[in-house]
N, C-alpha and C. Protein backbone atom coordinates (compact mmCIF):
# COMPACT_ATOMS: atom_id res chain seq x y z
N UNK A 1 -54.26 12.02 50.99
CA UNK A 1 -54.45 10.92 50.05
C UNK A 1 -53.43 11.02 48.92
N UNK A 2 -52.69 9.94 48.69
CA UNK A 2 -51.67 9.91 47.64
C UNK A 2 -52.32 9.45 46.33
N UNK A 3 -52.30 10.34 45.34
CA UNK A 3 -52.93 10.04 44.06
C UNK A 3 -51.93 9.64 42.98
N UNK A 4 -50.66 9.44 43.36
CA UNK A 4 -49.63 9.19 42.36
C UNK A 4 -49.89 7.90 41.57
N UNK A 5 -50.37 6.85 42.22
CA UNK A 5 -50.67 5.61 41.49
C UNK A 5 -51.80 5.82 40.51
N UNK A 6 -52.84 6.55 40.93
CA UNK A 6 -53.96 6.84 40.04
C UNK A 6 -53.50 7.62 38.81
N UNK A 7 -52.58 8.57 39.04
CA UNK A 7 -52.06 9.36 37.93
C UNK A 7 -51.25 8.49 36.99
N UNK A 8 -50.41 7.62 37.53
CA UNK A 8 -49.61 6.72 36.70
C UNK A 8 -50.51 5.78 35.88
N UNK A 9 -51.57 5.28 36.52
CA UNK A 9 -52.51 4.40 35.82
C UNK A 9 -53.18 5.14 34.67
N UNK A 10 -53.57 6.38 34.92
CA UNK A 10 -54.21 7.19 33.88
C UNK A 10 -53.27 7.39 32.70
N UNK A 11 -52.03 7.74 32.97
CA UNK A 11 -51.08 7.99 31.89
C UNK A 11 -50.79 6.73 31.08
N UNK A 12 -50.75 5.58 31.74
CA UNK A 12 -50.58 4.32 31.01
C UNK A 12 -51.76 4.09 30.07
N UNK A 13 -52.95 4.40 30.55
CA UNK A 13 -54.15 4.24 29.72
C UNK A 13 -54.13 5.20 28.54
N UNK A 14 -53.76 6.45 28.78
CA UNK A 14 -53.73 7.44 27.71
C UNK A 14 -52.73 7.06 26.63
N UNK A 15 -51.61 6.45 27.05
CA UNK A 15 -50.55 6.12 26.09
C UNK A 15 -51.01 5.11 25.04
N UNK A 16 -52.08 4.38 25.32
CA UNK A 16 -52.59 3.41 24.34
C UNK A 16 -53.14 4.11 23.10
N UNK A 17 -53.61 5.34 23.26
CA UNK A 17 -54.25 6.04 22.14
C UNK A 17 -53.62 7.38 21.81
N UNK A 18 -52.81 7.93 22.69
CA UNK A 18 -52.14 9.21 22.46
C UNK A 18 -50.67 8.94 22.22
N UNK A 19 -50.15 9.38 21.06
CA UNK A 19 -48.76 9.06 20.73
C UNK A 19 -47.84 10.27 20.78
N UNK A 20 -48.36 11.43 21.14
CA UNK A 20 -47.54 12.63 21.26
C UNK A 20 -46.93 12.68 22.67
N UNK A 21 -45.65 12.40 22.76
CA UNK A 21 -45.00 12.32 24.07
C UNK A 21 -44.98 13.69 24.77
N UNK A 22 -44.94 14.76 24.01
CA UNK A 22 -44.97 16.10 24.62
C UNK A 22 -46.30 16.33 25.34
N UNK A 23 -47.38 15.89 24.72
CA UNK A 23 -48.70 16.01 25.36
C UNK A 23 -48.75 15.14 26.61
N UNK A 24 -48.28 13.92 26.53
CA UNK A 24 -48.29 13.03 27.69
C UNK A 24 -47.43 13.58 28.82
N UNK A 25 -46.29 14.17 28.49
CA UNK A 25 -45.44 14.79 29.52
C UNK A 25 -46.15 15.96 30.18
N UNK A 26 -46.88 16.75 29.38
CA UNK A 26 -47.64 17.87 29.94
C UNK A 26 -48.73 17.37 30.88
N UNK A 27 -49.40 16.28 30.49
CA UNK A 27 -50.43 15.70 31.35
C UNK A 27 -49.83 15.19 32.66
N UNK A 28 -48.60 14.71 32.59
CA UNK A 28 -47.93 14.25 33.81
C UNK A 28 -47.58 15.42 34.72
N UNK A 29 -47.15 16.53 34.13
CA UNK A 29 -46.69 17.67 34.93
C UNK A 29 -47.83 18.44 35.59
N UNK A 30 -48.98 18.50 34.94
CA UNK A 30 -50.07 19.34 35.47
C UNK A 30 -50.88 18.56 36.51
N UNK A 31 -51.01 19.09 37.72
CA UNK A 31 -51.75 18.39 38.78
C UNK A 31 -53.28 18.60 38.63
N UNK A 32 -53.95 17.64 38.00
CA UNK A 32 -55.39 17.76 37.80
C UNK A 32 -56.14 17.88 39.12
N UNK A 33 -55.56 17.32 40.19
CA UNK A 33 -56.24 17.37 41.49
C UNK A 33 -56.43 18.79 42.01
N UNK A 34 -55.64 19.75 41.52
CA UNK A 34 -55.81 21.14 41.95
C UNK A 34 -56.96 21.84 41.24
N UNK A 35 -57.49 21.21 40.19
CA UNK A 35 -58.52 21.85 39.38
C UNK A 35 -59.91 21.26 39.61
N UNK A 36 -60.02 20.26 40.47
CA UNK A 36 -61.32 19.65 40.76
C UNK A 36 -61.84 20.15 42.10
N UNK A 37 -63.12 19.96 42.33
CA UNK A 37 -63.70 20.35 43.62
C UNK A 37 -63.27 19.37 44.70
N UNK A 38 -63.31 19.82 45.94
CA UNK A 38 -62.85 18.99 47.06
C UNK A 38 -63.60 17.67 47.14
N UNK A 39 -64.89 17.69 46.83
CA UNK A 39 -65.70 16.47 46.95
C UNK A 39 -65.27 15.43 45.92
N UNK A 40 -64.63 15.87 44.84
CA UNK A 40 -64.20 14.94 43.78
C UNK A 40 -62.70 14.68 43.79
N UNK A 41 -62.02 15.10 44.83
CA UNK A 41 -60.56 15.00 44.88
C UNK A 41 -60.08 13.57 44.63
N UNK A 42 -60.74 12.60 45.23
CA UNK A 42 -60.30 11.19 45.11
C UNK A 42 -60.41 10.68 43.68
N UNK A 43 -61.22 11.37 42.86
CA UNK A 43 -61.45 10.93 41.48
C UNK A 43 -60.67 11.77 40.47
N UNK A 44 -59.70 12.54 40.95
CA UNK A 44 -58.99 13.49 40.09
C UNK A 44 -58.39 12.86 38.85
N UNK A 45 -57.89 11.63 38.96
CA UNK A 45 -57.21 11.00 37.83
C UNK A 45 -58.00 9.86 37.22
N UNK A 46 -59.31 9.84 37.52
CA UNK A 46 -60.21 8.96 36.77
C UNK A 46 -60.35 9.54 35.36
N UNK A 47 -60.47 8.68 34.38
CA UNK A 47 -60.60 9.16 33.00
C UNK A 47 -62.07 9.46 32.70
N UNK A 48 -62.55 10.52 33.31
CA UNK A 48 -63.94 10.94 33.10
C UNK A 48 -64.07 12.41 33.46
N UNK A 49 -65.10 13.07 32.90
CA UNK A 49 -65.35 14.46 33.29
C UNK A 49 -65.88 14.52 34.72
N UNK A 50 -65.69 15.66 35.37
CA UNK A 50 -66.19 15.86 36.73
C UNK A 50 -66.83 17.24 36.82
N UNK A 51 -67.89 17.39 37.62
CA UNK A 51 -68.53 18.70 37.76
C UNK A 51 -67.62 19.68 38.49
N UNK A 52 -67.65 20.94 38.02
CA UNK A 52 -66.87 21.99 38.69
C UNK A 52 -67.75 23.15 39.15
N UNK A 53 -69.08 22.97 39.08
CA UNK A 53 -70.01 24.02 39.48
C UNK A 53 -70.52 24.82 38.29
N UNK A 54 -71.62 25.53 38.52
CA UNK A 54 -72.25 26.39 37.51
C UNK A 54 -72.62 25.63 36.24
N UNK A 55 -72.93 24.34 36.40
CA UNK A 55 -73.35 23.54 35.27
C UNK A 55 -72.23 23.17 34.31
N UNK A 56 -70.98 23.33 34.72
CA UNK A 56 -69.83 23.07 33.87
C UNK A 56 -69.04 21.87 34.38
N UNK A 57 -68.13 21.36 33.54
CA UNK A 57 -67.33 20.20 33.92
C UNK A 57 -65.86 20.42 33.56
N UNK A 58 -65.00 19.69 34.24
CA UNK A 58 -63.62 19.53 33.80
C UNK A 58 -63.61 18.33 32.88
N UNK A 59 -63.02 18.48 31.70
CA UNK A 59 -63.13 17.45 30.66
C UNK A 59 -62.42 16.16 31.03
N UNK A 60 -62.86 15.08 30.42
CA UNK A 60 -62.21 13.77 30.54
C UNK A 60 -60.76 13.90 30.08
N UNK A 61 -59.80 13.37 30.84
CA UNK A 61 -58.39 13.48 30.45
C UNK A 61 -58.09 13.00 29.03
N UNK A 62 -58.71 11.90 28.60
CA UNK A 62 -58.46 11.43 27.23
C UNK A 62 -58.85 12.49 26.21
N UNK A 63 -59.99 13.15 26.42
CA UNK A 63 -60.44 14.19 25.49
C UNK A 63 -59.49 15.38 25.52
N UNK A 64 -59.03 15.75 26.71
CA UNK A 64 -58.04 16.83 26.84
C UNK A 64 -56.78 16.49 26.03
N UNK A 65 -56.30 15.27 26.20
CA UNK A 65 -55.08 14.86 25.49
C UNK A 65 -55.30 14.80 23.99
N UNK A 66 -56.44 14.26 23.55
CA UNK A 66 -56.74 14.14 22.12
C UNK A 66 -56.86 15.51 21.47
N UNK A 67 -57.56 16.43 22.11
CA UNK A 67 -57.73 17.77 21.57
C UNK A 67 -56.38 18.49 21.49
N UNK A 68 -55.60 18.35 22.54
CA UNK A 68 -54.29 19.02 22.56
C UNK A 68 -53.38 18.45 21.49
N UNK A 69 -53.36 17.13 21.35
CA UNK A 69 -52.53 16.50 20.34
C UNK A 69 -52.90 16.99 18.94
N UNK A 70 -54.20 17.15 18.69
CA UNK A 70 -54.66 17.56 17.36
C UNK A 70 -54.25 18.98 17.00
N UNK A 71 -53.90 19.79 17.98
CA UNK A 71 -53.45 21.16 17.70
C UNK A 71 -52.02 21.21 17.19
N UNK A 72 -51.20 20.18 17.49
CA UNK A 72 -49.80 20.11 17.04
C UNK A 72 -49.04 21.39 17.44
N UNK A 73 -49.03 21.67 18.72
CA UNK A 73 -48.45 22.92 19.22
C UNK A 73 -46.93 22.90 19.21
N UNK A 74 -46.36 24.09 19.06
CA UNK A 74 -44.93 24.30 19.18
C UNK A 74 -44.68 25.33 20.28
N UNK A 75 -43.42 25.46 20.68
CA UNK A 75 -43.09 26.38 21.78
C UNK A 75 -43.42 27.83 21.45
N UNK A 76 -43.52 28.16 20.18
CA UNK A 76 -43.82 29.53 19.77
C UNK A 76 -45.29 29.75 19.44
N UNK A 77 -46.12 28.72 19.57
CA UNK A 77 -47.53 28.83 19.18
C UNK A 77 -48.30 29.81 20.06
N UNK A 78 -49.17 30.57 19.41
CA UNK A 78 -50.14 31.41 20.13
C UNK A 78 -51.50 30.73 20.02
N UNK A 79 -52.08 30.41 21.17
CA UNK A 79 -53.29 29.59 21.21
C UNK A 79 -54.44 30.37 21.83
N UNK A 80 -55.61 30.22 21.23
CA UNK A 80 -56.85 30.74 21.81
C UNK A 80 -57.66 29.57 22.34
N UNK A 81 -58.12 29.68 23.58
CA UNK A 81 -59.00 28.67 24.18
C UNK A 81 -60.34 29.32 24.49
N UNK A 82 -61.41 28.71 24.03
CA UNK A 82 -62.76 29.16 24.37
C UNK A 82 -63.31 28.23 25.44
N UNK A 83 -63.55 28.77 26.63
CA UNK A 83 -64.06 27.98 27.75
C UNK A 83 -62.97 27.60 28.71
N UNK A 84 -62.54 28.57 29.52
CA UNK A 84 -61.47 28.32 30.50
C UNK A 84 -61.88 27.25 31.49
N UNK A 85 -63.13 27.32 31.95
CA UNK A 85 -63.61 26.35 32.92
C UNK A 85 -62.76 26.32 34.17
N UNK A 86 -62.30 25.14 34.53
CA UNK A 86 -61.47 24.98 35.73
C UNK A 86 -60.06 25.54 35.53
N UNK A 87 -59.63 25.65 34.26
CA UNK A 87 -58.26 26.06 33.97
C UNK A 87 -57.32 24.89 33.69
N UNK A 88 -57.82 23.66 33.80
CA UNK A 88 -56.95 22.49 33.60
C UNK A 88 -56.44 22.40 32.16
N UNK A 89 -57.37 22.48 31.21
CA UNK A 89 -56.93 22.44 29.81
C UNK A 89 -56.02 23.63 29.50
N UNK A 90 -56.29 24.77 30.10
CA UNK A 90 -55.46 25.96 29.91
C UNK A 90 -54.02 25.67 30.34
N UNK A 91 -53.87 25.00 31.47
CA UNK A 91 -52.54 24.67 31.97
C UNK A 91 -51.80 23.72 31.03
N UNK A 92 -52.52 22.74 30.49
CA UNK A 92 -51.90 21.82 29.53
C UNK A 92 -51.40 22.60 28.32
N UNK A 93 -52.22 23.51 27.82
CA UNK A 93 -51.81 24.33 26.67
C UNK A 93 -50.58 25.17 27.02
N UNK A 94 -50.58 25.73 28.22
CA UNK A 94 -49.47 26.60 28.64
C UNK A 94 -48.16 25.83 28.77
N UNK A 95 -48.24 24.54 29.04
CA UNK A 95 -47.03 23.71 29.09
C UNK A 95 -46.38 23.56 27.73
N UNK A 96 -47.16 23.72 26.66
CA UNK A 96 -46.70 23.39 25.32
C UNK A 96 -46.54 24.59 24.39
N UNK A 97 -47.26 25.66 24.65
CA UNK A 97 -47.31 26.80 23.72
C UNK A 97 -46.58 28.01 24.27
N UNK A 98 -46.37 28.98 23.40
CA UNK A 98 -45.69 30.21 23.81
C UNK A 98 -46.61 31.21 24.47
N UNK A 99 -47.89 31.23 24.07
CA UNK A 99 -48.86 32.17 24.63
C UNK A 99 -50.24 31.54 24.57
N UNK A 100 -51.01 31.66 25.65
CA UNK A 100 -52.37 31.14 25.71
C UNK A 100 -53.31 32.27 26.08
N UNK A 101 -54.29 32.50 25.22
CA UNK A 101 -55.35 33.47 25.48
C UNK A 101 -56.62 32.65 25.72
N UNK A 102 -57.21 32.78 26.89
CA UNK A 102 -58.38 31.97 27.24
C UNK A 102 -59.56 32.87 27.59
N UNK A 103 -60.74 32.53 27.09
CA UNK A 103 -61.94 33.30 27.38
C UNK A 103 -62.97 32.42 28.06
N UNK A 104 -63.67 32.99 29.03
CA UNK A 104 -64.66 32.27 29.82
C UNK A 104 -65.85 33.20 30.06
N UNK A 105 -67.05 32.72 29.85
CA UNK A 105 -68.22 33.59 30.00
C UNK A 105 -68.73 33.66 31.44
N UNK A 106 -68.27 32.76 32.30
CA UNK A 106 -68.72 32.74 33.70
C UNK A 106 -67.63 33.34 34.58
N UNK A 107 -67.84 34.55 35.11
CA UNK A 107 -66.79 35.25 35.84
C UNK A 107 -66.22 34.48 37.03
N UNK A 108 -67.07 33.75 37.77
CA UNK A 108 -66.56 33.02 38.93
C UNK A 108 -65.57 31.93 38.53
N UNK A 109 -65.86 31.25 37.43
CA UNK A 109 -64.92 30.23 36.96
C UNK A 109 -63.63 30.87 36.46
N UNK A 110 -63.76 31.97 35.74
CA UNK A 110 -62.57 32.66 35.24
C UNK A 110 -61.67 33.09 36.39
N UNK A 111 -62.26 33.62 37.45
CA UNK A 111 -61.49 34.09 38.60
C UNK A 111 -60.81 32.93 39.32
N UNK A 112 -61.54 31.84 39.53
CA UNK A 112 -60.98 30.68 40.21
C UNK A 112 -59.82 30.08 39.40
N UNK A 113 -60.02 29.95 38.08
CA UNK A 113 -58.97 29.41 37.23
C UNK A 113 -57.73 30.29 37.26
N UNK A 114 -57.94 31.59 37.23
CA UNK A 114 -56.79 32.52 37.23
C UNK A 114 -55.97 32.37 38.51
N UNK A 115 -56.62 32.23 39.63
CA UNK A 115 -55.92 32.06 40.90
C UNK A 115 -55.05 30.80 40.87
N UNK A 116 -55.64 29.69 40.40
CA UNK A 116 -54.90 28.43 40.37
C UNK A 116 -53.72 28.53 39.41
N UNK A 117 -53.97 29.06 38.23
CA UNK A 117 -52.91 29.16 37.21
C UNK A 117 -51.80 30.10 37.67
N UNK A 118 -52.17 31.21 38.31
CA UNK A 118 -51.16 32.12 38.84
C UNK A 118 -50.32 31.43 39.92
N UNK A 119 -50.98 30.69 40.80
CA UNK A 119 -50.26 30.00 41.87
C UNK A 119 -49.30 28.94 41.33
N UNK A 120 -49.64 28.37 40.18
CA UNK A 120 -48.78 27.36 39.56
C UNK A 120 -47.68 27.99 38.70
N UNK A 121 -47.72 29.30 38.55
CA UNK A 121 -46.65 30.00 37.85
C UNK A 121 -46.79 30.07 36.35
N UNK A 122 -48.01 29.94 35.85
CA UNK A 122 -48.22 30.04 34.40
C UNK A 122 -48.33 31.51 33.99
N UNK A 123 -47.23 32.06 33.57
CA UNK A 123 -47.16 33.50 33.24
C UNK A 123 -47.51 33.79 31.79
N UNK A 124 -47.64 32.76 30.97
CA UNK A 124 -47.92 32.96 29.54
C UNK A 124 -49.41 32.91 29.24
N UNK A 125 -50.25 32.97 30.27
CA UNK A 125 -51.69 32.83 30.12
C UNK A 125 -52.39 34.15 30.43
N UNK A 126 -53.33 34.55 29.59
CA UNK A 126 -54.21 35.67 29.90
C UNK A 126 -55.66 35.18 29.81
N UNK A 127 -56.46 35.53 30.81
CA UNK A 127 -57.86 35.08 30.88
C UNK A 127 -58.76 36.30 30.75
N UNK A 128 -59.79 36.16 29.92
CA UNK A 128 -60.70 37.27 29.64
C UNK A 128 -62.14 36.79 29.77
N UNK A 129 -63.03 37.70 30.14
CA UNK A 129 -64.46 37.40 30.19
C UNK A 129 -65.02 37.51 28.78
N UNK A 130 -65.67 36.46 28.32
CA UNK A 130 -66.17 36.40 26.95
C UNK A 130 -67.32 37.37 26.73
N UNK A 131 -67.39 37.90 25.53
CA UNK A 131 -68.54 38.69 25.10
C UNK A 131 -69.45 37.80 24.25
N UNK A 132 -70.50 38.36 23.67
CA UNK A 132 -71.37 37.56 22.79
C UNK A 132 -70.62 37.11 21.54
N UNK A 133 -69.66 37.91 21.09
CA UNK A 133 -68.86 37.53 19.92
C UNK A 133 -67.86 36.45 20.32
N UNK A 134 -67.73 35.43 19.50
CA UNK A 134 -66.86 34.32 19.84
C UNK A 134 -65.39 34.69 19.69
N UNK A 135 -64.59 34.11 20.57
CA UNK A 135 -63.15 34.26 20.47
C UNK A 135 -62.62 35.51 21.13
N UNK A 136 -61.45 35.92 20.69
CA UNK A 136 -60.79 37.13 21.20
C UNK A 136 -59.98 37.73 20.05
N UNK A 137 -60.69 38.43 19.15
CA UNK A 137 -60.04 38.90 17.92
C UNK A 137 -58.95 39.94 18.15
N UNK A 138 -58.92 40.58 19.33
CA UNK A 138 -57.89 41.59 19.59
C UNK A 138 -56.48 41.03 19.43
N UNK A 139 -56.29 39.74 19.74
CA UNK A 139 -54.96 39.14 19.68
C UNK A 139 -54.77 38.23 18.47
N UNK A 140 -55.76 38.18 17.59
CA UNK A 140 -55.67 37.34 16.39
C UNK A 140 -54.62 37.89 15.43
N UNK A 141 -54.07 37.04 14.54
CA UNK A 141 -54.45 35.65 14.29
C UNK A 141 -53.70 34.69 15.22
N UNK A 142 -54.30 33.50 15.40
CA UNK A 142 -53.77 32.46 16.27
C UNK A 142 -53.24 31.29 15.45
N UNK A 143 -52.24 30.62 16.01
CA UNK A 143 -51.74 29.39 15.40
C UNK A 143 -52.71 28.23 15.64
N UNK A 144 -53.44 28.29 16.74
CA UNK A 144 -54.35 27.20 17.10
C UNK A 144 -55.48 27.74 17.95
N UNK A 145 -56.65 27.15 17.79
CA UNK A 145 -57.82 27.49 18.61
C UNK A 145 -58.43 26.19 19.12
N UNK A 146 -58.69 26.14 20.42
CA UNK A 146 -59.32 24.99 21.05
C UNK A 146 -60.61 25.45 21.71
N UNK A 147 -61.69 24.72 21.46
CA UNK A 147 -63.01 25.10 21.99
C UNK A 147 -63.51 23.97 22.88
N UNK A 148 -63.80 24.30 24.14
CA UNK A 148 -64.23 23.27 25.09
C UNK A 148 -65.75 23.32 25.32
N UNK A 149 -66.48 23.72 24.29
CA UNK A 149 -67.94 23.71 24.31
C UNK A 149 -68.40 23.45 22.88
N UNK A 150 -69.62 22.93 22.74
CA UNK A 150 -70.07 22.42 21.44
C UNK A 150 -70.85 23.46 20.66
N UNK A 151 -70.57 23.54 19.37
CA UNK A 151 -71.26 24.46 18.47
C UNK A 151 -72.10 23.66 17.47
N UNK A 152 -73.16 24.27 16.93
CA UNK A 152 -73.97 23.56 15.93
C UNK A 152 -73.27 23.41 14.59
N UNK A 153 -72.25 24.23 14.35
CA UNK A 153 -71.46 24.16 13.13
C UNK A 153 -70.10 24.78 13.42
N UNK A 154 -69.16 24.65 12.51
CA UNK A 154 -67.86 25.29 12.70
C UNK A 154 -68.04 26.80 12.50
N UNK A 155 -67.78 27.61 13.53
CA UNK A 155 -68.04 29.04 13.42
C UNK A 155 -67.02 29.74 12.51
N UNK A 156 -67.53 30.44 11.51
CA UNK A 156 -66.65 31.19 10.61
C UNK A 156 -65.87 32.25 11.39
N UNK A 157 -66.50 32.78 12.46
CA UNK A 157 -65.83 33.78 13.30
C UNK A 157 -64.49 33.27 13.80
N UNK A 158 -64.43 32.00 14.17
CA UNK A 158 -63.18 31.43 14.67
C UNK A 158 -62.19 31.12 13.55
N UNK A 159 -62.70 30.65 12.43
CA UNK A 159 -61.82 30.44 11.27
C UNK A 159 -61.13 31.74 10.90
N UNK A 160 -61.86 32.85 10.97
CA UNK A 160 -61.30 34.16 10.63
C UNK A 160 -60.17 34.57 11.57
N UNK A 161 -60.15 34.00 12.80
CA UNK A 161 -59.12 34.36 13.78
C UNK A 161 -57.90 33.44 13.71
N UNK A 162 -57.92 32.48 12.78
CA UNK A 162 -56.80 31.55 12.61
C UNK A 162 -55.83 32.06 11.54
N UNK A 163 -54.55 31.76 11.74
CA UNK A 163 -53.57 31.96 10.68
C UNK A 163 -53.78 30.92 9.58
N UNK A 164 -53.32 31.20 8.38
CA UNK A 164 -53.29 30.18 7.34
C UNK A 164 -52.38 29.05 7.83
N UNK A 165 -52.89 27.84 7.75
CA UNK A 165 -52.17 26.69 8.28
C UNK A 165 -52.50 26.39 9.73
N UNK A 166 -53.28 27.26 10.36
CA UNK A 166 -53.64 27.07 11.75
C UNK A 166 -54.70 25.98 11.93
N UNK A 167 -54.80 25.48 13.17
CA UNK A 167 -55.72 24.39 13.47
C UNK A 167 -56.76 24.82 14.49
N UNK A 168 -58.00 24.42 14.23
CA UNK A 168 -59.11 24.61 15.16
C UNK A 168 -59.61 23.23 15.56
N UNK A 169 -59.77 23.00 16.86
CA UNK A 169 -60.35 21.75 17.36
C UNK A 169 -61.60 22.11 18.14
N UNK A 170 -62.75 21.55 17.74
CA UNK A 170 -64.04 21.97 18.30
C UNK A 170 -65.05 20.83 18.23
N UNK A 171 -65.90 20.67 19.26
CA UNK A 171 -67.01 19.73 19.18
C UNK A 171 -68.14 20.36 18.35
N UNK A 172 -68.68 19.60 17.41
CA UNK A 172 -69.75 20.10 16.54
C UNK A 172 -70.89 19.09 16.51
N UNK A 173 -72.13 19.60 16.67
CA UNK A 173 -73.30 18.73 16.63
C UNK A 173 -74.47 19.35 17.33
N UNK A 174 -75.31 18.51 17.92
CA UNK A 174 -76.47 19.00 18.66
C UNK A 174 -76.05 19.39 20.07
N UNK A 175 -77.02 19.81 20.87
CA UNK A 175 -76.72 20.14 22.27
C UNK A 175 -76.42 18.89 23.09
N UNK A 176 -76.73 17.72 22.57
CA UNK A 176 -76.62 16.49 23.36
C UNK A 176 -75.55 15.53 22.85
N UNK A 177 -75.26 15.56 21.57
CA UNK A 177 -74.25 14.67 21.01
C UNK A 177 -73.46 15.41 19.95
N UNK A 178 -72.15 15.21 19.95
CA UNK A 178 -71.30 15.91 18.98
C UNK A 178 -70.19 14.99 18.47
N UNK A 179 -69.54 15.47 17.44
CA UNK A 179 -68.28 14.90 16.97
C UNK A 179 -67.19 15.93 17.20
N UNK A 180 -66.05 15.47 17.67
CA UNK A 180 -64.90 16.34 17.82
C UNK A 180 -64.20 16.42 16.47
N UNK A 181 -64.00 17.65 15.97
CA UNK A 181 -63.39 17.81 14.66
C UNK A 181 -62.14 18.68 14.73
N UNK A 182 -61.23 18.39 13.82
CA UNK A 182 -60.04 19.23 13.62
C UNK A 182 -60.21 19.92 12.27
N UNK A 183 -60.06 21.24 12.27
CA UNK A 183 -60.16 22.01 11.04
C UNK A 183 -58.81 22.69 10.79
N UNK A 184 -58.23 22.46 9.62
CA UNK A 184 -57.00 23.15 9.23
C UNK A 184 -57.36 24.20 8.20
N UNK A 185 -56.96 25.44 8.45
CA UNK A 185 -57.29 26.55 7.55
C UNK A 185 -56.24 26.65 6.44
N UNK A 186 -56.70 26.52 5.20
CA UNK A 186 -55.85 26.75 4.05
C UNK A 186 -56.25 28.06 3.39
N UNK A 187 -55.53 28.46 2.39
CA UNK A 187 -55.77 29.75 1.74
C UNK A 187 -57.20 29.86 1.22
N UNK A 188 -57.68 28.81 0.58
CA UNK A 188 -59.00 28.88 -0.08
C UNK A 188 -59.98 27.82 0.40
N UNK A 189 -59.62 27.05 1.42
CA UNK A 189 -60.51 25.99 1.86
C UNK A 189 -60.20 25.57 3.29
N UNK A 190 -61.09 24.73 3.83
CA UNK A 190 -60.87 24.12 5.14
C UNK A 190 -60.66 22.62 4.94
N UNK A 191 -59.75 22.07 5.70
CA UNK A 191 -59.55 20.62 5.73
C UNK A 191 -60.10 20.11 7.06
N UNK A 192 -61.13 19.28 6.99
CA UNK A 192 -61.84 18.84 8.20
C UNK A 192 -61.59 17.36 8.45
N UNK A 193 -61.20 17.02 9.68
CA UNK A 193 -61.01 15.62 10.09
C UNK A 193 -61.84 15.36 11.34
N UNK A 194 -62.45 14.18 11.39
CA UNK A 194 -63.25 13.79 12.55
C UNK A 194 -62.40 12.94 13.49
N UNK A 195 -62.43 13.30 14.77
CA UNK A 195 -61.55 12.65 15.74
C UNK A 195 -62.26 11.60 16.58
N UNK A 196 -63.42 11.95 17.14
CA UNK A 196 -64.16 11.00 17.98
C UNK A 196 -65.52 11.58 18.32
N UNK A 197 -66.44 10.72 18.72
CA UNK A 197 -67.70 11.19 19.28
C UNK A 197 -67.44 11.76 20.67
N UNK A 198 -68.26 12.74 21.06
CA UNK A 198 -68.02 13.38 22.36
C UNK A 198 -69.32 14.03 22.83
N UNK A 199 -69.25 14.58 24.04
CA UNK A 199 -70.40 15.31 24.59
C UNK A 199 -69.88 16.45 25.45
N UNK A 200 -70.16 17.69 25.02
CA UNK A 200 -69.74 18.90 25.72
C UNK A 200 -70.94 19.77 26.04
N UNK A 201 -70.75 20.69 26.96
CA UNK A 201 -71.76 21.71 27.20
C UNK A 201 -71.83 22.61 25.97
N UNK A 202 -72.96 23.32 25.75
CA UNK A 202 -73.10 24.13 24.54
C UNK A 202 -72.24 25.39 24.56
N UNK A 203 -71.75 25.77 23.38
CA UNK A 203 -71.03 27.02 23.19
C UNK A 203 -72.06 28.13 22.99
N UNK A 204 -72.02 29.12 23.87
CA UNK A 204 -73.00 30.21 23.84
C UNK A 204 -72.38 31.43 23.21
N UNK A 205 -73.10 32.03 22.24
CA UNK A 205 -72.62 33.27 21.63
C UNK A 205 -73.02 33.36 20.18
N UNK A 206 -72.67 34.48 19.56
CA UNK A 206 -72.96 34.65 18.14
C UNK A 206 -72.23 33.57 17.34
N UNK A 207 -72.90 33.06 16.31
CA UNK A 207 -72.34 32.00 15.47
C UNK A 207 -72.28 30.66 16.21
N UNK A 208 -73.04 30.55 17.32
CA UNK A 208 -73.13 29.29 18.08
C UNK A 208 -74.54 29.14 18.60
N UNK A 209 -74.72 28.78 19.88
CA UNK A 209 -76.06 28.60 20.46
C UNK A 209 -76.51 29.84 21.20
N UNK A 210 -77.82 30.10 21.15
CA UNK A 210 -78.39 31.11 22.05
C UNK A 210 -78.51 30.52 23.45
N UNK A 211 -78.40 31.36 24.46
CA UNK A 211 -78.44 30.87 25.85
C UNK A 211 -79.73 30.13 26.13
N UNK A 212 -80.86 30.60 25.58
CA UNK A 212 -82.15 30.00 25.92
C UNK A 212 -82.58 28.90 24.97
N UNK A 213 -81.77 28.59 23.94
CA UNK A 213 -82.17 27.58 22.96
C UNK A 213 -82.30 26.20 23.59
């Protein structure tokens, strides 16, 4: 099945709201069809989330593009991603940044994503199994942090892992409805901007949701 027309249609749609050409080029280069399950292959370039197993999803392409754009990445950026999932967002980040550190709490997803990313030649990515503590402080501070799961509030743990001037993009709200926010860390304060309404799976860990909540 040739998905090239579907991909072109998706990119035309994204261009209406995403103005960062580097992000759009990255979305063009990364084959989303390699990150979806076989049963959803025909829908790879639909602008919607798709299930990837274990109660998780691959994010809607528009949300991937919006979150990535809000990070304002450079070729030298060191990025932390919470929630590797399928590895699709990880690949987009790797197209734009100098180093990507990604953490995933579900070992099967982490392993599957690593295989795909390795096969695609993304050598600037390291994937780790998440602990109860959020993030990956061993490699901090980061220029940017992207979170693909929703927290009840902006976790101070993640702010602490950002450089001054760094950006955090995270869904914040209830377990069912959230707002996507961009947080810029300044010396003595946070600058918070609201990007769009969204719906993500919950972020599990200290300074976020308990697994059984």
